[in-house]
Amino acid sequence: MNCGRRLIVRCFIAQLDGIDGHAVYLAIDALRARKLRNKEVELRVVSIHSHVVEAWSVAVSARRILENSSYSYKHSNEIIVKTFVAALVADYCNHSSDSVLDKVEAPRKWKTFSTKSKHPDFANGVFVIGTSATEILMLEEEPKKPILANTYLMSAYIADFMNQNQLDSLLMADINRLVREAQIAFSSTKHQIFCSLTASELLKWAYR
């Protein structure tokens, strides 16, 4: 991330609307809403992947580049994206045998859905797994309780596991194992799963 009077350029992972894949985004915005650009924030998709672990690998390279880069408001967004992607391809290919090209397998049964929440355990929103926004995965032992994640990465990791193994449900023992694996795969973030709220209780905390 760039500070001072420079542009803030960030990288994050999220699901791309209409595509069953995990997208690595580049977010470009101007600091303190200065009237230097037509848009305060612009999102560009850098790559799309079938598995969130692959997207994470690209994001790690992307963040390494951003930490060592500085972008001025005099640079156009097109120039920023062009130079960033060129650096990303060179950096990522030096650390992996794969490329940073789009690679999506479709269709996928389980996807990740999110909503903002005022619940203290979900400061960045609540993430669930489902076949649609209304057909949400419930804990097998307690079918009235959804499987809630505090990060997109955790929810996506579980969804990928279910899709790869063609599963229709999960036991708490499976979830505990997947949480431990996610903590290792995505080591910079604390990933948690909560199965203590019912769907109706969760709605009470949602932003209106």
C-alpha atoms as a PDB file:
ATOM      1  CA  MET A   1       0.000   0.000   0.000  1.00  0.00           C
ATOM      2  CA  ASN A   2       1.287   3.467  -0.869  1.00  0.00           C
ATOM      3  CA  CYS A   3       0.930   6.352   1.591  1.00  0.00           C
ATOM      4  CA  GLY A   4       1.401  10.111   1.704  1.00  0.00           C
ATOM      5  CA  ARG A   5       0.212  12.036  -1.325  1.00  0.00           C
ATOM      6  CA  ARG A   6       0.458   8.972  -3.517  1.00  0.00           C
ATOM      7  CA  LEU A   7      -2.369   6.856  -4.773  1.00  0.00           C
ATOM      8  CA  ILE A   8      -3.491   3.952  -2.652  1.00  0.00           C
ATOM      9  CA  VAL A   9      -3.246   0.753  -4.690  1.00  0.00           C
ATOM     10  CA  ARG A  10      -4.459  -2.448  -3.048  1.00  0.00           C
ATOM     11  CA  CYS A  11      -4.928  -6.097  -3.956  1.00  0.00           C
ATOM     12  CA  PHE A  12      -7.608  -8.453  -2.638  1.00  0.00           C
ATOM     13  CA  ILE A  13      -9.458 -11.681  -3.504  1.00  0.00           C
ATOM     14  CA  ALA A  14     -13.220 -11.989  -3.987  1.00  0.00           C
ATOM     15  CA  GLN A  15     -15.725 -13.915  -6.025  1.00  0.00           C
ATOM     16  CA  LEU A  16     -16.482 -12.468  -9.446  1.00  0.00           C
ATOM     17  CA  ASP A  17     -20.170 -11.971 -10.212  1.00  0.00           C
ATOM     18  CA  GLY A  18     -21.445 -14.354 -12.868  1.00  0.00           C
ATOM     19  CA  ILE A  19     -18.323 -16.543 -12.875  1.00  0.00           C
ATOM     20  CA  ASP A  20     -17.617 -19.574 -10.696  1.00  0.00           C
ATOM     21  CA  GLY A  21     -14.124 -18.513  -9.797  1.00  0.00           C
ATOM     22  CA  HIS A  22     -11.999 -16.536  -7.365  1.00  0.00           C
ATOM     23  CA  ALA A  23     -10.819 -13.200  -8.722  1.00  0.00           C
ATOM     24  CA  VAL A  24      -7.685 -11.290  -7.777  1.00  0.00           C
ATOM     25  CA  TYR A  25      -8.567  -7.592  -7.893  1.00  0.00           C
ATOM     26  CA  LEU A  26      -6.435  -4.485  -8.152  1.00  0.00           C
ATOM     27  CA  ALA A  27      -8.098  -1.501  -6.451  1.00  0.00           C
ATOM     28  CA  ILE A  28      -6.882   1.990  -7.335  1.00  0.00           C
ATOM     29  CA  ASP A  29      -8.138   4.988  -5.407  1.00  0.00           C
ATOM     30  CA  ALA A  30      -7.169   8.554  -4.590  1.00  0.00           C
ATOM     31  CA  LEU A  31      -6.267   9.475  -1.024  1.00  0.00           C
ATOM     32  CA  ARG A  32      -8.683  11.790   0.848  1.00  0.00           C
ATOM     33  CA  ALA A  33     -11.115  12.175  -2.065  1.00  0.00           C
ATOM     34  CA  ARG A  34      -9.023  14.763  -3.907  1.00  0.00           C
ATOM     35  CA  LYS A  35     -10.543  15.713  -7.246  1.00  0.00           C
ATOM     36  CA  LEU A  36      -7.663  14.246  -9.180  1.00  0.00           C
ATOM     37  CA  ARG A  37      -9.582  11.502 -10.981  1.00  0.00           C
ATOM     38  CA  ASN A  38     -12.984  10.893 -12.444  1.00  0.00           C
ATOM     39  CA  LYS A  39     -13.441   7.952 -10.079  1.00  0.00           C
ATOM     40  CA  GLU A  40     -12.225   7.695  -6.500  1.00  0.00           C
ATOM     41  CA  VAL A  41     -11.941   3.896  -6.747  1.00  0.00           C
ATOM     42  CA  GLU A  42     -11.471   1.662  -9.748  1.00  0.00           C
ATOM     43  CA  LEU A  43     -11.412  -2.137  -9.610  1.00  0.00           C
ATOM     44  CA  ARG A  44      -9.574  -4.235 -12.180  1.00  0.00           C
ATOM     45  CA  VAL A  45      -9.587  -8.040 -12.311  1.00  0.00           C
ATOM     46  CA  VAL A  46      -5.984  -9.273 -12.534  1.00  0.00           C
ATOM     47  CA  SER A  47      -6.716 -13.008 -12.769  1.00  0.00           C
ATOM     48  CA  ILE A  48      -9.449 -15.582 -12.091  1.00  0.00           C
ATOM     49  CA  HIS A  49      -8.888 -19.034 -10.614  1.00  0.00           C
ATOM     50  CA  SER A  50     -10.846 -22.207  -9.881  1.00  0.00           C
ATOM     51  CA  HIS A  51      -9.120 -22.661  -6.523  1.00  0.00           C
ATOM     52  CA  VAL A  52      -8.664 -19.955  -3.917  1.00  0.00           C
ATOM     53  CA  VAL A  53      -5.179 -21.264  -3.036  1.00  0.00           C
ATOM     54  CA  GLU A  54      -4.061 -20.409  -6.578  1.00  0.00           C
ATOM     55  CA  ALA A  55      -5.615 -16.945  -6.276  1.00  0.00           C
ATOM     56  CA  TRP A  56      -3.779 -16.468  -2.977  1.00  0.00           C
ATOM     57  CA  SER A  57      -0.458 -17.320  -4.606  1.00  0.00           C
ATOM     58  CA  VAL A  58      -1.019 -14.577  -7.185  1.00  0.00           C
ATOM     59  CA  ALA A  59      -2.162 -12.125  -4.491  1.00  0.00           C
ATOM     60  CA  VAL A  60       1.031 -12.732  -2.490  1.00  0.00           C
ATOM     61  CA  SER A  61       3.100 -11.812  -5.551  1.00  0.00           C
ATOM     62  CA  ALA A  62       0.856  -8.804  -6.189  1.00  0.00           C
ATOM     63  CA  ARG A  63       1.248  -7.482  -2.654  1.00  0.00           C
ATOM     64  CA  ARG A  64       5.014  -7.939  -2.805  1.00  0.00           C
ATOM     65  CA  ILE A  65       5.063  -5.747  -5.910  1.00  0.00           C
ATOM     66  CA  LEU A  66       2.814  -3.098  -4.342  1.00  0.00           C
ATOM     67  CA  GLU A  67       5.007  -2.891  -1.251  1.00  0.00           C
ATOM     68  CA  ASN A  68       7.925  -1.932  -3.489  1.00  0.00           C
ATOM     69  CA  SER A  69       6.013   0.363  -5.850  1.00  0.00           C
ATOM     70  CA  SER A  70       4.925   3.976  -5.770  1.00  0.00           C
ATOM     71  CA  TYR A  71       2.139   5.378  -7.936  1.00  0.00           C
ATOM     72  CA  SER A  72       1.532   9.092  -8.477  1.00  0.00           C
ATOM     73  CA  TYR A  73      -1.827  10.706  -9.188  1.00  0.00           C
ATOM     74  CA  LYS A  74      -0.211  11.874 -12.441  1.00  0.00           C
ATOM     75  CA  HIS A  75      -0.241   8.282 -13.686  1.00  0.00           C
ATOM     76  CA  SER A  76      -3.372   7.192 -15.506  1.00  0.00           C
ATOM     77  CA  ASN A  77      -5.154   4.068 -14.286  1.00  0.00           C
ATOM     78  CA  GLU A  78      -4.337   2.397 -17.602  1.00  0.00           C
ATOM     79  CA  ILE A  79      -0.614   2.973 -17.103  1.00  0.00           C
ATOM     80  CA  ILE A  80      -0.785   1.763 -13.499  1.00  0.00           C
ATOM     81  CA  VAL A  81      -2.587  -1.442 -14.482  1.00  0.00           C
ATOM     82  CA  LYS A  82      -0.296  -2.088 -17.454  1.00  0.00           C
ATOM     83  CA  THR A  83       2.942  -1.683 -15.496  1.00  0.00           C
ATOM     84  CA  PHE A  84       1.583  -3.590 -12.503  1.00  0.00           C
ATOM     85  CA  VAL A  85       0.395  -6.590 -14.547  1.00  0.00           C
ATOM     86  CA  ALA A  86       3.719  -6.744 -16.413  1.00  0.00           C
ATOM     87  CA  ALA A  87       5.595  -6.791 -13.101  1.00  0.00           C
ATOM     88  CA  LEU A  88       3.187  -9.375 -11.669  1.00  0.00           C
ATOM     89  CA  VAL A  89       3.600 -11.775 -14.583  1.00  0.00           C
ATOM     90  CA  ALA A  90       7.401 -11.516 -14.328  1.00  0.00           C
ATOM     91  CA  ASP A  91       7.419 -11.936 -10.534  1.00  0.00           C
ATOM     92  CA  TYR A  92       4.893 -14.758 -10.391  1.00  0.00           C
ATOM     93  CA  CYS A  93       6.523 -16.763 -13.155  1.00  0.00           C
ATOM     94  CA  ASN A  94       9.835 -16.519 -11.324  1.00  0.00           C
ATOM     95  CA  HIS A  95       8.257 -18.178  -8.274  1.00  0.00           C
ATOM     96  CA  SER A  96       5.968 -20.733  -9.929  1.00  0.00           C
ATOM     97  CA  SER A  97       5.784 -22.981 -12.960  1.00  0.00           C
ATOM     98  CA  ASP A  98       2.262 -21.720 -13.611  1.00  0.00           C
ATOM     99  CA  SER A  99       1.291 -18.482 -15.355  1.00  0.00           C
ATOM    100  CA  VAL A 100      -1.081 -15.772 -14.120  1.00  0.00           C
ATOM    101  CA  LEU A 101      -3.606 -16.546 -16.847  1.00  0.00           C
ATOM    102  CA  ASP A 102      -7.316 -16.998 -16.178  1.00  0.00           C
ATOM    103  CA  LYS A 103      -8.183 -20.610 -15.434  1.00  0.00           C
ATOM    104  CA  VAL A 104     -11.743 -21.390 -14.384  1.00  0.00           C
ATOM    105  CA  GLU A 105     -13.550 -24.678 -14.197  1.00  0.00           C
ATOM    106  CA  ALA A 106     -17.339 -24.445 -14.433  1.00  0.00           C
ATOM    107  CA  PRO A 107     -19.910 -25.118 -13.250  1.00  0.00           C
ATOM    108  CA  ARG A 108     -19.328 -25.320  -9.516  1.00  0.00           C
ATOM    109  CA  LYS A 109     -22.111 -26.311  -7.129  1.00  0.00           C
ATOM    110  CA  TRP A 110     -20.916 -24.498  -4.007  1.00  0.00           C
ATOM    111  CA  LYS A 111     -20.117 -20.782  -4.013  1.00  0.00           C
ATOM    112  CA  THR A 112     -19.341 -18.081  -1.447  1.00  0.00           C
ATOM    113  CA  PHE A 113     -21.835 -15.373  -0.520  1.00  0.00           C
ATOM    114  CA  SER A 114     -21.372 -12.453   1.845  1.00  0.00           C
ATOM    115  CA  THR A 115     -23.259  -9.748   3.666  1.00  0.00           C
ATOM    116  CA  LYS A 116     -22.323  -6.899   5.981  1.00  0.00           C
ATOM    117  CA  SER A 117     -22.984  -7.535   9.645  1.00  0.00           C
ATOM    118  CA  LYS A 118     -22.980  -5.626  12.937  1.00  0.00           C
ATOM    119  CA  HIS A 119     -22.091  -8.803  14.838  1.00  0.00           C
ATOM    120  CA  PRO A 120     -18.812  -8.344  16.787  1.00  0.00           C
ATOM    121  CA  ASP A 121     -17.317 -11.532  15.346  1.00  0.00           C
ATOM    122  CA  PHE A 122     -17.773 -10.330  11.756  1.00  0.00           C
ATOM    123  CA  ALA A 123     -16.145  -6.908  11.501  1.00  0.00           C
ATOM    124  CA  ASN A 124     -15.430  -7.422   7.780  1.00  0.00           C
ATOM    125  CA  GLY A 125     -18.755  -9.077   6.987  1.00  0.00           C
ATOM    126  CA  VAL A 126     -20.079 -12.617   7.247  1.00  0.00           C
ATOM    127  CA  PHE A 127     -19.307 -15.209   4.568  1.00  0.00           C
ATOM    128  CA  VAL A 128     -21.411 -18.306   3.915  1.00  0.00           C
ATOM    129  CA  ILE A 129     -21.352 -21.218   1.473  1.00  0.00           C
ATOM    130  CA  GLY A 130     -24.353 -22.095  -0.649  1.00  0.00           C
ATOM    131  CA  THR A 131     -25.694 -23.174  -3.991  1.00  0.00           C
ATOM    132  CA  SER A 132     -27.384 -19.745  -4.133  1.00  0.00           C
ATOM    133  CA  ALA A 133     -27.774 -16.715  -1.893  1.00  0.00           C
ATOM    134  CA  THR A 134     -30.844 -18.324  -0.308  1.00  0.00           C
ATOM    135  CA  GLU A 135     -29.789 -22.007  -0.321  1.00  0.00           C
ATOM    136  CA  ILE A 136     -27.115 -21.927   2.387  1.00  0.00           C
ATOM    137  CA  LEU A 137     -24.990 -24.812   3.647  1.00  0.00           C
ATOM    138  CA  MET A 138     -25.932 -25.911   7.170  1.00  0.00           C
ATOM    139  CA  LEU A 139     -23.916 -27.904   9.692  1.00  0.00           C
ATOM    140  CA  GLU A 140     -24.776 -31.598   9.318  1.00  0.00           C
ATOM    141  CA  GLU A 141     -25.035 -32.199  13.068  1.00  0.00           C
ATOM    142  CA  GLU A 142     -27.243 -29.117  13.531  1.00  0.00           C
ATOM    143  CA  PRO A 143     -29.174 -28.528  10.294  1.00  0.00           C
ATOM    144  CA  LYS A 144     -30.610 -25.183  11.460  1.00  0.00           C
ATOM    145  CA  LYS A 145     -27.202 -23.571  11.896  1.00  0.00           C
ATOM    146  CA  PRO A 146     -25.295 -22.188   8.877  1.00  0.00           C
ATOM    147  CA  ILE A 147     -21.518 -22.482   8.573  1.00  0.00           C
ATOM    148  CA  LEU A 148     -20.280 -18.903   8.954  1.00  0.00           C
ATOM    149  CA  ALA A 149     -16.780 -17.675   8.132  1.00  0.00           C
ATOM    150  CA  ASN A 150     -15.101 -14.403   9.093  1.00  0.00           C
ATOM    151  CA  THR A 151     -13.083 -14.193   5.844  1.00  0.00           C
ATOM    152  CA  TYR A 152     -13.716 -14.821   2.173  1.00  0.00           C
ATOM    153  CA  LEU A 153     -10.646 -17.045   2.019  1.00  0.00           C
ATOM    154  CA  MET A 154     -11.956 -19.424   4.696  1.00  0.00           C
ATOM    155  CA  SER A 155     -15.389 -19.731   3.125  1.00  0.00           C
ATOM    156  CA  ALA A 156     -13.901 -20.170  -0.348  1.00  0.00           C
ATOM    157  CA  TYR A 157     -11.479 -22.820   0.914  1.00  0.00           C
ATOM    158  CA  ILE A 158     -14.373 -24.898   2.249  1.00  0.00           C
ATOM    159  CA  ALA A 159     -16.409 -24.398  -0.927  1.00  0.00           C
ATOM    160  CA  ASP A 160     -13.455 -25.526  -3.043  1.00  0.00           C
ATOM    161  CA  PHE A 161     -13.040 -28.632  -0.880  1.00  0.00           C
ATOM    162  CA  MET A 162     -16.716 -29.526  -1.245  1.00  0.00           C
ATOM    163  CA  ASN A 163     -16.674 -28.996  -5.001  1.00  0.00           C
ATOM    164  CA  GLN A 164     -13.491 -31.025  -5.463  1.00  0.00           C
ATOM    165  CA  ASN A 165     -14.888 -33.919  -3.437  1.00  0.00           C
ATOM    166  CA  GLN A 166     -18.501 -33.580  -4.639  1.00  0.00           C
ATOM    167  CA  LEU A 167     -19.858 -33.279  -1.097  1.00  0.00           C
ATOM    168  CA  ASP A 168     -23.353 -32.226  -0.053  1.00  0.00           C
ATOM    169  CA  SER A 169     -22.677 -31.673   3.659  1.00  0.00           C
ATOM    170  CA  LEU A 170     -19.924 -31.274   6.258  1.00  0.00           C
ATOM    171  CA  LEU A 171     -19.398 -32.501   9.799  1.00  0.00           C
ATOM    172  CA  MET A 172     -17.859 -30.298  12.472  1.00  0.00           C
ATOM    173  CA  ALA A 173     -14.776 -32.540  12.449  1.00  0.00           C
ATOM    174  CA  ASP A 174     -14.311 -31.767   8.727  1.00  0.00           C
ATOM    175  CA  ILE A 175     -14.661 -28.050   9.377  1.00  0.00           C
ATOM    176  CA  ASN A 176     -12.108 -28.053  12.198  1.00  0.00           C
ATOM    177  CA  ARG A 177      -9.597 -29.764   9.916  1.00  0.00           C
ATOM    178  CA  LEU A 178     -10.259 -27.309   7.080  1.00  0.00           C
ATOM    179  CA  VAL A 179      -9.806 -24.342   9.410  1.00  0.00           C
ATOM    180  CA  ARG A 180      -6.385 -25.673  10.447  1.00  0.00           C
ATOM    181  CA  GLU A 181      -5.430 -26.152   6.795  1.00  0.00           C
ATOM    182  CA  ALA A 182      -6.589 -22.618   5.917  1.00  0.00           C
ATOM    183  CA  GLN A 183      -4.526 -21.159   8.758  1.00  0.00           C
ATOM    184  CA  ILE A 184      -1.463 -22.738   7.154  1.00  0.00           C
ATOM    185  CA  ALA A 185      -2.378 -21.904   3.537  1.00  0.00           C
ATOM    186  CA  PHE A 186      -3.286 -18.261   4.301  1.00  0.00           C
ATOM    187  CA  SER A 187      -0.961 -17.557   7.184  1.00  0.00           C
ATOM    188  CA  SER A 188      -1.304 -13.766   7.373  1.00  0.00           C
ATOM    189  CA  THR A 189      -4.968 -13.760   8.432  1.00  0.00           C
ATOM    190  CA  LYS A 190      -6.809 -15.369  11.326  1.00  0.00           C
ATOM    191  CA  HIS A 191      -9.564 -17.537   9.861  1.00  0.00           C
ATOM    192  CA  GLN A 192     -12.476 -18.711  11.956  1.00  0.00           C
ATOM    193  CA  ILE A 193     -15.713 -20.633  11.546  1.00  0.00           C
ATOM    194  CA  PHE A 194     -18.792 -19.972  13.667  1.00  0.00           C
ATOM    195  CA  CYS A 195     -21.744 -22.358  13.957  1.00  0.00           C
ATOM    196  CA  SER A 196     -23.398 -20.750  16.984  1.00  0.00           C
ATOM    197  CA  LEU A 197     -26.050 -18.670  15.209  1.00  0.00           C
ATOM    198  CA  THR A 198     -29.163 -19.754  13.350  1.00  0.00           C
ATOM    199  CA  ALA A 199     -30.058 -18.061  10.059  1.00  0.00           C
ATOM    200  CA  SER A 200     -32.791 -15.988  11.722  1.00  0.00           C
ATOM    201  CA  GLU A 201     -30.424 -14.874  14.509  1.00  0.00           C
ATOM    202  CA  LEU A 202     -27.845 -13.858  11.939  1.00  0.00           C
ATOM    203  CA  LEU A 203     -30.354 -11.690  10.092  1.00  0.00           C
ATOM    204  CA  LYS A 204     -30.876  -9.626  13.236  1.00  0.00           C
ATOM    205  CA  TRP A 205     -27.258  -8.449  12.951  1.00  0.00           C
ATOM    206  CA  ALA A 206     -27.377  -7.673   9.229  1.00  0.00           C
ATOM    207  CA  TYR A 207     -27.161  -4.090   7.988  1.00  0.00           C
ATOM    208  CA  ARG A 208     -30.483  -2.778   6.791  1.00  0.00           C
END
